C-alpha atoms as a PDB file:
ATOM      1  CA  UNK A   1     115.595 131.781 106.438  1.00  0.00           C
ATOM      2  CA  UNK A   2     117.598 130.908 109.968  1.00  0.00           C
ATOM      3  CA  UNK A   3     119.856 128.164 109.058  1.00  0.00           C
ATOM      4  CA  UNK A   4     119.324 127.850 105.460  1.00  0.00           C
ATOM      5  CA  UNK A   5     121.200 129.617 103.061  1.00  0.00           C
ATOM      6  CA  UNK A   6     119.213 130.229  99.494  1.00  0.00           C
ATOM      7  CA  UNK A   7     120.437 130.767  96.299  1.00  0.00           C
ATOM      8  CA  UNK A   8     118.367 131.334  93.165  1.00  0.00           C
ATOM      9  CA  UNK A   9     120.980 130.823  90.064  1.00  0.00           C
ATOM     10  CA  UNK A  10     124.106 132.250  91.924  1.00  0.00           C
ATOM     11  CA  UNK A  11     127.552 130.418  90.071  1.00  0.00           C
ATOM     12  CA  UNK A  12     128.980 127.438  92.236  1.00  0.00           C
ATOM     13  CA  UNK A  13     131.828 129.893  93.616  1.00  0.00           C
ATOM     14  CA  UNK A  14     129.236 132.563  95.597  1.00  0.00           C
ATOM     15  CA  UNK A  15     128.284 128.968  97.136  1.00  0.00           C
ATOM     16  CA  UNK A  16     130.775 127.409  98.479  1.00  0.00           C
ATOM     17  CA  UNK A  17     132.740 130.016 100.035  1.00  0.00           C
ATOM     18  CA  UNK A  18     129.463 131.636 101.954  1.00  0.00           C
ATOM     19  CA  UNK A  19     128.600 128.006 102.820  1.00  0.00           C
ATOM     20  CA  UNK A  20     132.687 127.668 103.535  1.00  0.00           C
ATOM     21  CA  UNK A  21     132.011 130.877 105.899  1.00  0.00           C
ATOM     22  CA  UNK A  22     129.700 127.956 108.438  1.00  0.00           C
ATOM     23  CA  UNK A  23     132.238 125.034 108.796  1.00  0.00           C
ATOM     24  CA  UNK A  24     136.122 124.905 109.242  1.00  0.00           C
ATOM     25  CA  UNK A  25     136.807 124.164 105.468  1.00  0.00           C
ATOM     26  CA  UNK A  26     138.223 125.276 101.917  1.00  0.00           C
ATOM     27  CA  UNK A  27     136.807 124.513  98.750  1.00  0.00           C
ATOM     28  CA  UNK A  28     139.281 123.665  95.783  1.00  0.00           C
ATOM     29  CA  UNK A  29     138.143 124.195  91.986  1.00  0.00           C
ATOM     30  CA  UNK A  30     140.324 121.901  90.621  1.00  0.00           C
ATOM     31  CA  UNK A  31     138.353 122.202  86.918  1.00  0.00           C
ATOM     32  CA  UNK A  32     137.465 125.973  87.541  1.00  0.00           C
ATOM     33  CA  UNK A  33     135.153 126.186  84.562  1.00  0.00           C
ATOM     34  CA  UNK A  34     133.325 124.208  87.357  1.00  0.00           C
ATOM     35  CA  UNK A  35     133.522 127.780  90.125  1.00  0.00           C
ATOM     36  CA  UNK A  36     131.187 129.003  86.526  1.00  0.00           C
ATOM     37  CA  UNK A  37     127.945 126.779  86.964  1.00  0.00           C
ATOM     38  CA  UNK A  38     125.398 127.745  88.310  1.00  0.00           C
ATOM     39  CA  UNK A  39     122.175 126.539  90.697  1.00  0.00           C
ATOM     40  CA  UNK A  40     119.451 127.283  92.723  1.00  0.00           C
ATOM     41  CA  UNK A  41     118.198 125.805  95.864  1.00  0.00           C
ATOM     42  CA  UNK A  42     118.326 125.926  99.666  1.00  0.00           C
ATOM     43  CA  UNK A  43     120.508 125.000 101.744  1.00  0.00           C
ATOM     44  CA  UNK A  44     120.748 123.830 105.626  1.00  0.00           C
ATOM     45  CA  UNK A  45     123.526 126.098 107.615  1.00  0.00           C
ATOM     46  CA  UNK A  46     124.815 122.752 109.121  1.00  0.00           C
ATOM     47  CA  UNK A  47     125.164 120.123 107.942  1.00  0.00           C
ATOM     48  CA  UNK A  48     127.548 119.919 104.463  1.00  0.00           C
ATOM     49  CA  UNK A  49     126.551 116.239 103.466  1.00  0.00           C
ATOM     50  CA  UNK A  50     123.514 117.555 101.740  1.00  0.00           C
ATOM     51  CA  UNK A  51     124.485 119.820  99.693  1.00  0.00           C
ATOM     52  CA  UNK A  52     127.625 117.987  98.036  1.00  0.00           C
ATOM     53  CA  UNK A  53     125.913 115.237  97.472  1.00  0.00           C
ATOM     54  CA  UNK A  54     123.220 117.082  95.371  1.00  0.00           C
ATOM     55  CA  UNK A  55     126.355 118.342  93.265  1.00  0.00           C
ATOM     56  CA  UNK A  56     127.713 115.355  92.626  1.00  0.00           C
ATOM     57  CA  UNK A  57     123.952 114.217  91.498  1.00  0.00           C
ATOM     58  CA  UNK A  58     123.331 117.529  89.407  1.00  0.00           C
ATOM     59  CA  UNK A  59     126.374 118.460  87.945  1.00  0.00           C
ATOM     60  CA  UNK A  60     129.455 116.717  85.794  1.00  0.00           C
ATOM     61  CA  UNK A  61     131.944 116.486  89.327  1.00  0.00           C
ATOM     62  CA  UNK A  62     132.685 114.659  91.926  1.00  0.00           C
ATOM     63  CA  UNK A  63     133.949 115.764  95.209  1.00  0.00           C
ATOM     64  CA  UNK A  64     136.704 114.699  97.699  1.00  0.00           C
ATOM     65  CA  UNK A  65     136.257 115.265 100.685  1.00  0.00           C
ATOM     66  CA  UNK A  66     139.981 115.761 103.622  1.00  0.00           C
ATOM     67  CA  UNK A  67     139.744 116.991 106.640  1.00  0.00           C
ATOM     68  CA  UNK A  68     139.844 120.498 105.525  1.00  0.00           C
ATOM     69  CA  UNK A  69     139.684 120.048 101.878  1.00  0.00           C
ATOM     70  CA  UNK A  70     136.298 119.429  99.698  1.00  0.00           C
ATOM     71  CA  UNK A  71     138.082 119.666  96.232  1.00  0.00           C
ATOM     72  CA  UNK A  72     135.489 119.547  93.239  1.00  0.00           C
ATOM     73  CA  UNK A  73     137.142 118.423  89.277  1.00  0.00           C
ATOM     74  CA  UNK A  74     135.551 116.968  86.513  1.00  0.00           C
ATOM     75  CA  UNK A  75     134.258 113.923  86.260  1.00  0.00           C
END
């Protein structure tokens, strides 16, 4: 799919690594156990906000956005 990434039962670490390739950001896991969470879905490569919002709804985590760094921490 053009402009979209499709994941099926992929570790969160792989998903954010792939999304980071499309944006000038790095993802940091404050709690490394979060990197092992798996998710499935189709995400737009052009806009991270829907993805970040979905993460907070789907998982017990908090997203903190700081200019070029996104920190994922446990709630």
